[in-house]
Amino acid sequence: EPFGGWLPGERLTREEAWQAYTIGAAYASFAEDRIGSLTKGKRADF
């Protein structure tokens, strides 16, 4: 509820939401060089 979403124009794609919960959150704390994604050189947190 509500069906179709509340103010549905503000919905995000899965990639956008997931990015905010990983890379975006890491960036917000100056930590994007070590966490937030599984890319070369970053911590293997999975």
ModelCIF file with pLDDT and N, C-alpha, C, O atoms, coordinates in Angstrom:
data_MODEL
#
_entry.id   MODEL 
#
_entity.id                         1 
_entity.type                       polymer 
_entity.pdbx_number_of_molecules   1 
#
_entity_poly.entity_id                      1 
_entity_poly.type                           'polypeptide(L)' 
_entity_poly.nstd_linkage                   no 
_entity_poly.nstd_monomer                   no 
_entity_poly.pdbx_seq_one_letter_code       EPFGGWLPGERLTREEAWQAYTIGAAYASFAEDRIGSLTKGKRADF 
_entity_poly.pdbx_seq_one_letter_code_can   EPFGGWLPGERLTREEAWQAYTIGAAYASFAEDRIGSLTKGKRADF 
_entity_poly.pdbx_strand_id                 A 
#
loop_
_entity_poly_seq.entity_id 
_entity_poly_seq.num 
_entity_poly_seq.mon_id 
_entity_poly_seq.hetero 
1 1  GLU n 
1 2  PRO n 
1 3  PHE n 
1 4  GLY n 
1 5  GLY n 
1 6  TRP n 
1 7  LEU n 
1 8  PRO n 
1 9  GLY n 
1 10 GLU n 
1 11 ARG n 
1 12 LEU n 
1 13 THR n 
1 14 ARG n 
1 15 GLU n 
1 16 GLU n 
1 17 ALA n 
1 18 TRP n 
1 19 GLN n 
1 20 ALA n 
1 21 TYR n 
1 22 THR n 
1 23 ILE n 
1 24 GLY n 
1 25 ALA n 
1 26 ALA n 
1 27 TYR n 
1 28 ALA n 
1 29 SER n 
1 30 PHE n 
1 31 ALA n 
1 32 GLU n 
1 33 ASP n 
1 34 ARG n 
1 35 ILE n 
1 36 GLY n 
1 37 SER n 
1 38 LEU n 
1 39 THR n 
1 40 LYS n 
1 41 GLY n 
1 42 LYS n 
1 43 ARG n 
1 44 ALA n 
1 45 ASP n 
1 46 PHE n 
#
_struct_asym.id          A 
_struct_asym.entity_id   1 
#
loop_
_ma_qa_metric.id 
_ma_qa_metric.mode 
_ma_qa_metric.name 
_ma_qa_metric.software_group_id 
_ma_qa_metric.type 
1 global pLDDT . pLDDT 
2 local  pLDDT . pLDDT 
#
_ma_qa_metric_global.metric_id      1 
_ma_qa_metric_global.metric_value   97.35 
_ma_qa_metric_global.model_id       1 
_ma_qa_metric_global.ordinal_id     1 
#
loop_
_ma_qa_metric_local.label_asym_id 
_ma_qa_metric_local.label_comp_id 
_ma_qa_metric_local.label_seq_id 
_ma_qa_metric_local.metric_id 
_ma_qa_metric_local.metric_value 
_ma_qa_metric_local.model_id 
_ma_qa_metric_local.ordinal_id 
A GLU 1  2 95.00 1 1  
A PRO 2  2 96.00 1 2  
A PHE 3  2 95.00 1 3  
A GLY 4  2 95.00 1 4  
A GLY 5  2 96.00 1 5  
A TRP 6  2 97.00 1 6  
A LEU 7  2 97.00 1 7  
A PRO 8  2 97.00 1 8  
A GLY 9  2 97.00 1 9  
A GLU 10 2 97.00 1 10 
A ARG 11 2 98.00 1 11 
A LEU 12 2 98.00 1 12 
A THR 13 2 97.00 1 13 
A ARG 14 2 97.00 1 14 
A GLU 15 2 97.00 1 15 
A GLU 16 2 98.00 1 16 
A ALA 17 2 98.00 1 17 
A TRP 18 2 98.00 1 18 
A GLN 19 2 98.00 1 19 
A ALA 20 2 98.00 1 20 
A TYR 21 2 98.00 1 21 
A THR 22 2 98.00 1 22 
A ILE 23 2 98.00 1 23 
A GLY 24 2 98.00 1 24 
A ALA 25 2 98.00 1 25 
A ALA 26 2 98.00 1 26 
A TYR 27 2 98.00 1 27 
A ALA 28 2 98.00 1 28 
A SER 29 2 98.00 1 29 
A PHE 30 2 98.00 1 30 
A ALA 31 2 98.00 1 31 
A GLU 32 2 97.00 1 32 
A ASP 33 2 96.00 1 33 
A ARG 34 2 97.00 1 34 
A ILE 35 2 98.00 1 35 
A GLY 36 2 98.00 1 36 
A SER 37 2 98.00 1 37 
A LEU 38 2 98.00 1 38 
A THR 39 2 96.00 1 39 
A LYS 40 2 96.00 1 40 
A GLY 41 2 97.00 1 41 
A LYS 42 2 98.00 1 42 
A ARG 43 2 98.00 1 43 
A ALA 44 2 98.00 1 44 
A ASP 45 2 98.00 1 45 
A PHE 46 2 98.00 1 46 
#
loop_
_atom_site.group_PDB 
_atom_site.id 
_atom_site.type_symbol 
_atom_site.label_atom_id 
_atom_site.label_alt_id 
_atom_site.label_comp_id 
_atom_site.label_asym_id 
_atom_site.label_entity_id 
_atom_site.label_seq_id 
_atom_site.pdbx_PDB_ins_code 
_atom_site.Cartn_x 
_atom_site.Cartn_y 
_atom_site.Cartn_z 
_atom_site.occupancy 
_atom_site.B_iso_or_equiv 
_atom_site.pdbx_formal_charge 
_atom_site.auth_seq_id 
_atom_site.auth_comp_id 
_atom_site.auth_asym_id 
_atom_site.auth_atom_id 
_atom_site.pdbx_PDB_model_num 
ATOM 1   N N  . GLU A 1 1  ? 0.824  -1.208  0.000   1.00 95.00 ? 1  GLU A N  1 
ATOM 2   C CA . GLU A 1 1  ? 0.000  0.000   0.000   1.00 95.00 ? 1  GLU A CA 1 
ATOM 3   C C  . GLU A 1 1  ? 0.861  1.262   0.000   1.00 95.00 ? 1  GLU A C  1 
ATOM 4   O O  . GLU A 1 1  ? 1.941  1.279   0.591   1.00 95.00 ? 1  GLU A O  1 
ATOM 5   N N  . PRO A 1 2  ? 0.382  2.322   -0.666  1.00 96.00 ? 2  PRO A N  1 
ATOM 6   C CA . PRO A 1 2  ? -0.766 2.316   -1.589  1.00 96.00 ? 2  PRO A CA 1 
ATOM 7   C C  . PRO A 1 2  ? -0.385 1.667   -2.911  1.00 96.00 ? 2  PRO A C  1 
ATOM 8   O O  . PRO A 1 2  ? 0.761  1.757   -3.349  1.00 96.00 ? 2  PRO A O  1 
ATOM 9   N N  . PHE A 1 3  ? -1.329 1.029   -3.524  1.00 95.00 ? 3  PHE A N  1 
ATOM 10  C CA . PHE A 1 3  ? -1.062 0.316   -4.775  1.00 95.00 ? 3  PHE A CA 1 
ATOM 11  C C  . PHE A 1 3  ? -0.476 1.274   -5.813  1.00 95.00 ? 3  PHE A C  1 
ATOM 12  O O  . PHE A 1 3  ? -1.030 2.344   -6.067  1.00 95.00 ? 3  PHE A O  1 
ATOM 13  N N  . GLY A 1 4  ? 0.634  0.882   -6.398  1.00 95.00 ? 4  GLY A N  1 
ATOM 14  C CA . GLY A 1 4  ? 1.291  1.717   -7.393  1.00 95.00 ? 4  GLY A CA 1 
ATOM 15  C C  . GLY A 1 4  ? 2.278  2.704   -6.811  1.00 95.00 ? 4  GLY A C  1 
ATOM 16  O O  . GLY A 1 4  ? 3.040  3.342   -7.537  1.00 95.00 ? 4  GLY A O  1 
ATOM 17  N N  . GLY A 1 5  ? 2.259  2.827   -5.484  1.00 96.00 ? 5  GLY A N  1 
ATOM 18  C CA . GLY A 1 5  ? 3.242  3.687   -4.821  1.00 96.00 ? 5  GLY A CA 1 
ATOM 19  C C  . GLY A 1 5  ? 2.728  5.068   -4.485  1.00 96.00 ? 5  GLY A C  1 
ATOM 20  O O  . GLY A 1 5  ? 1.901  5.633   -5.201  1.00 96.00 ? 5  GLY A O  1 
ATOM 21  N N  . TRP A 1 6  ? 3.231  5.606   -3.382  1.00 97.00 ? 6  TRP A N  1 
ATOM 22  C CA . TRP A 1 6  ? 2.890  6.954   -2.920  1.00 97.00 ? 6  TRP A CA 1 
ATOM 23  C C  . TRP A 1 6  ? 3.779  7.954   -3.642  1.00 97.00 ? 6  TRP A C  1 
ATOM 24  O O  . TRP A 1 6  ? 5.004  7.846   -3.584  1.00 97.00 ? 6  TRP A O  1 
ATOM 25  N N  . LEU A 1 7  ? 3.181  8.923   -4.319  1.00 97.00 ? 7  LEU A N  1 
ATOM 26  C CA . LEU A 1 7  ? 3.928  9.845   -5.173  1.00 97.00 ? 7  LEU A CA 1 
ATOM 27  C C  . LEU A 1 7  ? 4.886  9.033   -6.058  1.00 97.00 ? 7  LEU A C  1 
ATOM 28  O O  . LEU A 1 7  ? 6.103  9.182   -5.953  1.00 97.00 ? 7  LEU A O  1 
ATOM 29  N N  . PRO A 1 8  ? 4.339  8.182   -6.922  1.00 97.00 ? 8  PRO A N  1 
ATOM 30  C CA . PRO A 1 8  ? 5.145  7.196   -7.648  1.00 97.00 ? 8  PRO A CA 1 
ATOM 31  C C  . PRO A 1 8  ? 6.212  7.771   -8.565  1.00 97.00 ? 8  PRO A C  1 
ATOM 32  O O  . PRO A 1 8  ? 7.126  7.055   -8.973  1.00 97.00 ? 8  PRO A O  1 
ATOM 33  N N  . GLY A 1 9  ? 6.112  9.034   -8.892  1.00 97.00 ? 9  GLY A N  1 
ATOM 34  C CA . GLY A 1 9  ? 7.149  9.649   -9.713  1.00 97.00 ? 9  GLY A CA 1 
ATOM 35  C C  . GLY A 1 9  ? 8.504  9.690   -9.035  1.00 97.00 ? 9  GLY A C  1 
ATOM 36  O O  . GLY A 1 9  ? 9.520  9.934   -9.685  1.00 97.00 ? 9  GLY A O  1 
ATOM 37  N N  . GLU A 1 10 ? 8.525  9.451   -7.730  1.00 97.00 ? 10 GLU A N  1 
ATOM 38  C CA . GLU A 1 10 ? 9.780  9.483   -6.982  1.00 97.00 ? 10 GLU A CA 1 
ATOM 39  C C  . GLU A 1 10 ? 10.399 8.095   -6.811  1.00 97.00 ? 10 GLU A C  1 
ATOM 40  O O  . GLU A 1 10 ? 11.391 7.948   -6.097  1.00 97.00 ? 10 GLU A O  1 
ATOM 41  N N  . ARG A 1 11 ? 9.821  7.069   -7.463  1.00 98.00 ? 11 ARG A N  1 
ATOM 42  C CA . ARG A 1 11 ? 10.405 5.735   -7.395  1.00 98.00 ? 11 ARG A CA 1 
ATOM 43  C C  . ARG A 1 11 ? 11.772 5.703   -8.088  1.00 98.00 ? 11 ARG A C  1 
ATOM 44  O O  . ARG A 1 11 ? 12.032 6.471   -9.015  1.00 98.00 ? 11 ARG A O  1 
ATOM 45  N N  . LEU A 1 12 ? 12.626 4.811   -7.626  1.00 98.00 ? 12 LEU A N  1 
ATOM 46  C CA . LEU A 1 12 ? 13.942 4.624   -8.218  1.00 98.00 ? 12 LEU A CA 1 
ATOM 47  C C  . LEU A 1 12 ? 14.009 3.283   -8.936  1.00 98.00 ? 12 LEU A C  1 
ATOM 48  O O  . LEU A 1 12 ? 13.212 2.386   -8.659  1.00 98.00 ? 12 LEU A O  1 
ATOM 49  N N  . THR A 1 13 ? 14.950 3.145   -9.850  1.00 97.00 ? 13 THR A N  1 
ATOM 50  C CA . THR A 1 13 ? 15.239 1.836   -10.433 1.00 97.00 ? 13 THR A CA 1 
ATOM 51  C C  . THR A 1 13 ? 16.007 1.022   -9.393  1.00 97.00 ? 13 THR A C  1 
ATOM 52  O O  . THR A 1 13 ? 16.513 1.569   -8.413  1.00 97.00 ? 13 THR A O  1 
ATOM 53  N N  . ARG A 1 14 ? 16.087 -0.274  -9.615  1.00 97.00 ? 14 ARG A N  1 
ATOM 54  C CA . ARG A 1 14 ? 16.828 -1.113  -8.656  1.00 97.00 ? 14 ARG A CA 1 
ATOM 55  C C  . ARG A 1 14 ? 18.299 -0.719  -8.588  1.00 97.00 ? 14 ARG A C  1 
ATOM 56  O O  . ARG A 1 14 ? 18.901 -0.677  -7.516  1.00 97.00 ? 14 ARG A O  1 
ATOM 57  N N  . GLU A 1 15 ? 18.865 -0.430  -9.765  1.00 97.00 ? 15 GLU A N  1 
ATOM 58  C CA . GLU A 1 15 ? 20.278 -0.040  -9.773  1.00 97.00 ? 15 GLU A CA 1 
ATOM 59  C C  . GLU A 1 15 ? 20.489 1.262   -9.009  1.00 97.00 ? 15 GLU A C  1 
ATOM 60  O O  . GLU A 1 15 ? 21.469 1.395   -8.276  1.00 97.00 ? 15 GLU A O  1 
ATOM 61  N N  . GLU A 1 16 ? 19.581 2.222   -9.173  1.00 98.00 ? 16 GLU A N  1 
ATOM 62  C CA . GLU A 1 16 ? 19.721 3.508   -8.473  1.00 98.00 ? 16 GLU A CA 1 
ATOM 63  C C  . GLU A 1 16 ? 19.613 3.326   -6.962  1.00 98.00 ? 16 GLU A C  1 
ATOM 64  O O  . GLU A 1 16 ? 20.400 3.890   -6.202  1.00 98.00 ? 16 GLU A O  1 
ATOM 65  N N  . ALA A 1 17 ? 18.639 2.538   -6.537  1.00 98.00 ? 17 ALA A N  1 
ATOM 66  C CA . ALA A 1 17 ? 18.453 2.312   -5.102  1.00 98.00 ? 17 ALA A CA 1 
ATOM 67  C C  . ALA A 1 17 ? 19.636 1.551   -4.513  1.00 98.00 ? 17 ALA A C  1 
ATOM 68  O O  . ALA A 1 17 ? 20.128 1.884   -3.435  1.00 98.00 ? 17 ALA A O  1 
ATOM 69  N N  . TRP A 1 18 ? 20.080 0.535   -5.227  1.00 98.00 ? 18 TRP A N  1 
ATOM 70  C CA . TRP A 1 18 ? 21.203 -0.288  -4.761  1.00 98.00 ? 18 TRP A CA 1 
ATOM 71  C C  . TRP A 1 18 ? 22.487 0.539   -4.692  1.00 98.00 ? 18 TRP A C  1 
ATOM 72  O O  . TRP A 1 18 ? 23.275 0.397   -3.757  1.00 98.00 ? 18 TRP A O  1 
ATOM 73  N N  . GLN A 1 19 ? 22.688 1.392   -5.677  1.00 98.00 ? 19 GLN A N  1 
ATOM 74  C CA . GLN A 1 19 ? 23.872 2.248   -5.668  1.00 98.00 ? 19 GLN A CA 1 
ATOM 75  C C  . GLN A 1 19 ? 23.872 3.178   -4.456  1.00 98.00 ? 19 GLN A C  1 
ATOM 76  O O  . GLN A 1 19 ? 24.912 3.386   -3.832  1.00 98.00 ? 19 GLN A O  1 
ATOM 77  N N  . ALA A 1 20 ? 22.702 3.742   -4.119  1.00 98.00 ? 20 ALA A N  1 
ATOM 78  C CA . ALA A 1 20 ? 22.631 4.636   -2.965  1.00 98.00 ? 20 ALA A CA 1 
ATOM 79  C C  . ALA A 1 20 ? 22.950 3.905   -1.662  1.00 98.00 ? 20 ALA A C  1 
ATOM 80  O O  . ALA A 1 20 ? 23.442 4.506   -0.707  1.00 98.00 ? 20 ALA A O  1 
ATOM 81  N N  . TYR A 1 21 ? 22.668 2.612   -1.632  1.00 98.00 ? 21 TYR A N  1 
ATOM 82  C CA . TYR A 1 21 ? 22.877 1.796   -0.441  1.00 98.00 ? 21 TYR A CA 1 
ATOM 83  C C  . TYR A 1 21 ? 24.284 1.189   -0.374  1.00 98.00 ? 21 TYR A C  1 
ATOM 84  O O  . TYR A 1 21 ? 24.625 0.516   0.599   1.00 98.00 ? 21 TYR A O  1 
ATOM 85  N N  . THR A 1 22 ? 25.092 1.424   -1.399  1.00 98.00 ? 22 THR A N  1 
ATOM 86  C CA . THR A 1 22 ? 26.439 0.859   -1.438  1.00 98.00 ? 22 THR A CA 1 
ATOM 87  C C  . THR A 1 22 ? 27.458 1.939   -1.800  1.00 98.00 ? 22 THR A C  1 
ATOM 88  O O  . THR A 1 22 ? 28.065 2.548   -0.920  1.00 98.00 ? 22 THR A O  1 
ATOM 89  N N  . ILE A 1 23 ? 27.637 2.168   -3.088  1.00 98.00 ? 23 ILE A N  1 
ATOM 90  C CA . ILE A 1 23 ? 28.634 3.141   -3.538  1.00 98.00 ? 23 ILE A CA 1 
ATOM 91  C C  . ILE A 1 23 ? 28.304 4.544   -3.048  1.00 98.00 ? 23 ILE A C  1 
ATOM 92  O O  . ILE A 1 23 ? 29.192 5.278   -2.613  1.00 98.00 ? 23 ILE A O  1 
ATOM 93  N N  . GLY A 1 24 ? 27.009 4.925   -3.119  1.00 98.00 ? 24 GLY A N  1 
ATOM 94  C CA . GLY A 1 24 ? 26.608 6.259   -2.686  1.00 98.00 ? 24 GLY A CA 1 
ATOM 95  C C  . GLY A 1 24 ? 26.847 6.480   -1.214  1.00 98.00 ? 24 GLY A C  1 
ATOM 96  O O  . GLY A 1 24 ? 27.311 7.545   -0.808  1.00 98.00 ? 24 GLY A O  1 
ATOM 97  N N  . ALA A 1 25 ? 26.532 5.479   -0.406  1.00 98.00 ? 25 ALA A N  1 
ATOM 98  C CA . ALA A 1 25 ? 26.744 5.594   1.038   1.00 98.00 ? 25 ALA A CA 1 
ATOM 99  C C  . ALA A 1 25 ? 28.234 5.636   1.365   1.00 98.00 ? 25 ALA A C  1 
ATOM 100 O O  . ALA A 1 25 ? 28.649 6.350   2.279   1.00 98.00 ? 25 ALA A O  1 
ATOM 101 N N  . ALA A 1 26 ? 29.041 4.875   0.625   1.00 98.00 ? 26 ALA A N  1 
ATOM 102 C CA . ALA A 1 26 ? 30.493 4.921   0.825   1.00 98.00 ? 26 ALA A CA 1 
ATOM 103 C C  . ALA A 1 26 ? 31.041 6.293   0.451   1.00 98.00 ? 26 ALA A C  1 
ATOM 104 O O  . ALA A 1 26 ? 31.864 6.857   1.171   1.00 98.00 ? 26 ALA A O  1 
ATOM 105 N N  . TYR A 1 27 ? 30.582 6.826   -0.678  1.00 98.00 ? 27 TYR A N  1 
ATOM 106 C CA . TYR A 1 27 ? 31.020 8.155   -1.130  1.00 98.00 ? 27 TYR A CA 1 
ATOM 107 C C  . TYR A 1 27 ? 30.679 9.221   -0.094  1.00 98.00 ? 27 TYR A C  1 
ATOM 108 O O  . TYR A 1 27 ? 31.457 10.148  0.130   1.00 98.00 ? 27 TYR A O  1 
ATOM 109 N N  . ALA A 1 28 ? 29.521 9.086   0.532   1.00 98.00 ? 28 ALA A N  1 
ATOM 110 C CA . ALA A 1 28 ? 29.071 10.085  1.502   1.00 98.00 ? 28 ALA A CA 1 
ATOM 111 C C  . ALA A 1 28 ? 30.003 10.202  2.693   1.00 98.00 ? 28 ALA A C  1 
ATOM 112 O O  . ALA A 1 28 ? 29.980 11.206  3.405   1.00 98.00 ? 28 ALA A O  1 
ATOM 113 N N  . SER A 1 29 ? 30.831 9.173   2.917   1.00 98.00 ? 29 SER A N  1 
ATOM 114 C CA . SER A 1 29 ? 31.771 9.196   4.043   1.00 98.00 ? 29 SER A CA 1 
ATOM 115 C C  . SER A 1 29 ? 33.228 9.156   3.576   1.00 98.00 ? 29 SER A C  1 
ATOM 116 O O  . SER A 1 29 ? 34.110 8.755   4.335   1.00 98.00 ? 29 SER A O  1 
ATOM 117 N N  . PHE A 1 30 ? 33.482 9.567   2.340   1.00 98.00 ? 30 PHE A N  1 
ATOM 118 C CA . PHE A 1 30 ? 34.842 9.563   1.786   1.00 98.00 ? 30 PHE A CA 1 
ATOM 119 C C  . PHE A 1 30 ? 35.463 8.167   1.829   1.00 98.00 ? 30 PHE A C  1 
ATOM 120 O O  . PHE A 1 30 ? 36.669 8.032   2.040   1.00 98.00 ? 30 PHE A O  1 
ATOM 121 N N  . ALA A 1 31 ? 34.658 7.145   1.634   1.00 98.00 ? 31 ALA A N  1 
ATOM 122 C CA . ALA A 1 31 ? 35.163 5.770   1.740   1.00 98.00 ? 31 ALA A CA 1 
ATOM 123 C C  . ALA A 1 31 ? 35.013 4.993   0.443   1.00 98.00 ? 31 ALA A C  1 
ATOM 124 O O  . ALA A 1 31 ? 35.175 3.773   0.437   1.00 98.00 ? 31 ALA A O  1 
ATOM 125 N N  . GLU A 1 32 ? 34.707 5.674   -0.660  1.00 97.00 ? 32 GLU A N  1 
ATOM 126 C CA . GLU A 1 32 ? 34.452 4.972   -1.915  1.00 97.00 ? 32 GLU A CA 1 
ATOM 127 C C  . GLU A 1 32 ? 35.709 4.323   -2.490  1.00 97.00 ? 32 GLU A C  1 
ATOM 128 O O  . GLU A 1 32 ? 35.614 3.506   -3.406  1.00 97.00 ? 32 GLU A O  1 
ATOM 129 N N  . ASP A 1 33 ? 36.891 4.675   -1.962  1.00 96.00 ? 33 ASP A N  1 
ATOM 130 C CA . ASP A 1 33 ? 38.126 4.055   -2.450  1.00 96.00 ? 33 ASP A CA 1 
ATOM 131 C C  . ASP A 1 33 ? 38.365 2.679   -1.843  1.00 96.00 ? 33 ASP A C  1 
ATOM 132 O O  . ASP A 1 33 ? 39.259 1.954   -2.280  1.00 96.00 ? 33 ASP A O  1 
ATOM 133 N N  . ARG A 1 34 ? 37.562 2.310   -0.826  1.00 97.00 ? 34 ARG A N  1 
ATOM 134 C CA . ARG A 1 34 ? 37.826 1.023   -0.169  1.00 97.00 ? 34 ARG A CA 1 
ATOM 135 C C  . ARG A 1 34 ? 36.607 0.133   0.033   1.00 97.00 ? 34 ARG A C  1 
ATOM 136 O O  . ARG A 1 34 ? 36.773 -1.068  0.246   1.00 97.00 ? 34 ARG A O  1 
ATOM 137 N N  . ILE A 1 35 ? 35.397 0.666   -0.023  1.00 98.00 ? 35 ILE A N  1 
ATOM 138 C CA . ILE A 1 35 ? 34.196 -0.153  0.174   1.00 98.00 ? 35 ILE A CA 1 
ATOM 139 C C  . ILE A 1 35 ? 33.102 0.300   -0.789  1.00 98.00 ? 35 ILE A C  1 
ATOM 140 O O  . ILE A 1 35 ? 33.249 1.315   -1.471  1.00 98.00 ? 35 ILE A O  1 
ATOM 141 N N  . GLY A 1 36 ? 31.996 -0.463  -0.842  1.00 98.00 ? 36 GLY A N  1 
ATOM 142 C CA . GLY A 1 36 ? 30.825 -0.058  -1.621  1.00 98.00 ? 36 GLY A CA 1 
ATOM 143 C C  . GLY A 1 36 ? 30.595 -0.863  -2.874  1.00 98.00 ? 36 GLY A C  1 
ATOM 144 O O  . GLY A 1 36 ? 29.464 -0.958  -3.351  1.00 98.00 ? 36 GLY A O  1 
ATOM 145 N N  . SER A 1 37 ? 31.661 -1.453  -3.424  1.00 98.00 ? 37 SER A N  1 
ATOM 146 C CA . SER A 1 37 ? 31.510 -2.300  -4.605  1.00 98.00 ? 37 SER A CA 1 
ATOM 147 C C  . SER A 1 37 ? 32.618 -3.339  -4.601  1.00 98.00 ? 37 SER A C  1 
ATOM 148 O O  . SER A 1 37 ? 33.620 -3.188  -3.902  1.00 98.00 ? 37 SER A O  1 
ATOM 149 N N  . LEU A 1 38 ? 32.435 -4.388  -5.379  1.00 98.00 ? 38 LEU A N  1 
ATOM 150 C CA . LEU A 1 38 ? 33.441 -5.438  -5.486  1.00 98.00 ? 38 LEU A CA 1 
ATOM 151 C C  . LEU A 1 38 ? 34.260 -5.194  -6.738  1.00 98.00 ? 38 LEU A C  1 
ATOM 152 O O  . LEU A 1 38 ? 34.088 -5.858  -7.760  1.00 98.00 ? 38 LEU A O  1 
ATOM 153 N N  . THR A 1 39 ? 35.154 -4.226  -6.632  1.00 96.00 ? 39 THR A N  1 
ATOM 154 C CA . THR A 1 39 ? 36.039 -3.882  -7.738  1.00 96.00 ? 39 THR A CA 1 
ATOM 155 C C  . THR A 1 39 ? 37.479 -3.928  -7.249  1.00 96.00 ? 39 THR A C  1 
ATOM 156 O O  . THR A 1 39 ? 37.736 -3.842  -6.048  1.00 96.00 ? 39 THR A O  1 
ATOM 157 N N  . LYS A 1 40 ? 38.393 -4.061  -8.155  1.00 96.00 ? 40 LYS A N  1 
ATOM 158 C CA . LYS A 1 40 ? 39.797 -4.278  -7.828  1.00 96.00 ? 40 LYS A CA 1 
ATOM 159 C C  . LYS A 1 40 ? 40.315 -3.244  -6.833  1.00 96.00 ? 40 LYS A C  1 
ATOM 160 O O  . LYS A 1 40 ? 40.147 -2.038  -7.015  1.00 96.00 ? 40 LYS A O  1 
ATOM 161 N N  . GLY A 1 41 ? 40.944 -3.746  -5.782  1.00 97.00 ? 41 GLY A N  1 
ATOM 162 C CA . GLY A 1 41 ? 41.556 -2.886  -4.780  1.00 97.00 ? 41 GLY A CA 1 
ATOM 163 C C  . GLY A 1 41 ? 40.674 -2.564  -3.599  1.00 97.00 ? 41 GLY A C  1 
ATOM 164 O O  . GLY A 1 41 ? 41.167 -2.097  -2.573  1.00 97.00 ? 41 GLY A O  1 
ATOM 165 N N  . LYS A 1 42 ? 39.371 -2.802  -3.718  1.00 98.00 ? 42 LYS A N  1 
ATOM 166 C CA . LYS A 1 42 ? 38.472 -2.519  -2.596  1.00 98.00 ? 42 LYS A CA 1 
ATOM 167 C C  . LYS A 1 42 ? 38.351 -3.739  -1.684  1.00 98.00 ? 42 LYS A C  1 
ATOM 168 O O  . LYS A 1 42 ? 38.652 -4.863  -2.084  1.00 98.00 ? 42 LYS A O  1 
ATOM 169 N N  . ARG A 1 43 ? 37.912 -3.498  -0.470  1.00 98.00 ? 43 ARG A N  1 
ATOM 170 C CA . ARG A 1 43 ? 37.762 -4.567  0.504   1.00 98.00 ? 43 ARG A CA 1 
ATOM 171 C C  . ARG A 1 43 ? 36.709 -5.579  0.036   1.00 98.00 ? 43 ARG A C  1 
ATOM 172 O O  . ARG A 1 43 ? 35.657 -5.210  -0.486  1.00 98.00 ? 43 ARG A O  1 
ATOM 173 N N  . ALA A 1 44 ? 37.017 -6.845  0.236   1.00 98.00 ? 44 ALA A N  1 
ATOM 174 C CA . ALA A 1 44 ? 36.100 -7.912  -0.187  1.00 98.00 ? 44 ALA A CA 1 
ATOM 175 C C  . ALA A 1 44 ? 35.046 -8.143  0.888   1.00 98.00 ? 44 ALA A C  1 
ATOM 176 O O  . ALA A 1 44 ? 35.065 -9.150  1.596   1.00 98.00 ? 44 ALA A O  1 
ATOM 177 N N  . ASP A 1 45 ? 34.134 -7.195  0.990   1.00 98.00 ? 45 ASP A N  1 
ATOM 178 C CA . ASP A 1 45 ? 32.995 -7.282  1.909   1.00 98.00 ? 45 ASP A CA 1 
ATOM 179 C C  . ASP A 1 45 ? 31.789 -7.711  1.083   1.00 98.00 ? 45 ASP A C  1 
ATOM 180 O O  . ASP A 1 45 ? 31.346 -6.966  0.209   1.00 98.00 ? 45 ASP A O  1 
ATOM 181 N N  . PHE A 1 46 ? 31.249 -8.902  1.346   1.00 98.00 ? 46 PHE A N  1 
ATOM 182 C CA . PHE A 1 46 ? 30.172 -9.385  0.500   1.00 98.00 ? 46 PHE A CA 1 
ATOM 183 C C  . PHE A 1 46 ? 29.224 -10.304 1.250   1.00 98.00 ? 46 PHE A C  1 
ATOM 184 O O  . PHE A 1 46 ? 28.256 -10.798 0.671   1.00 98.00 ? 46 PHE A O  1 
#
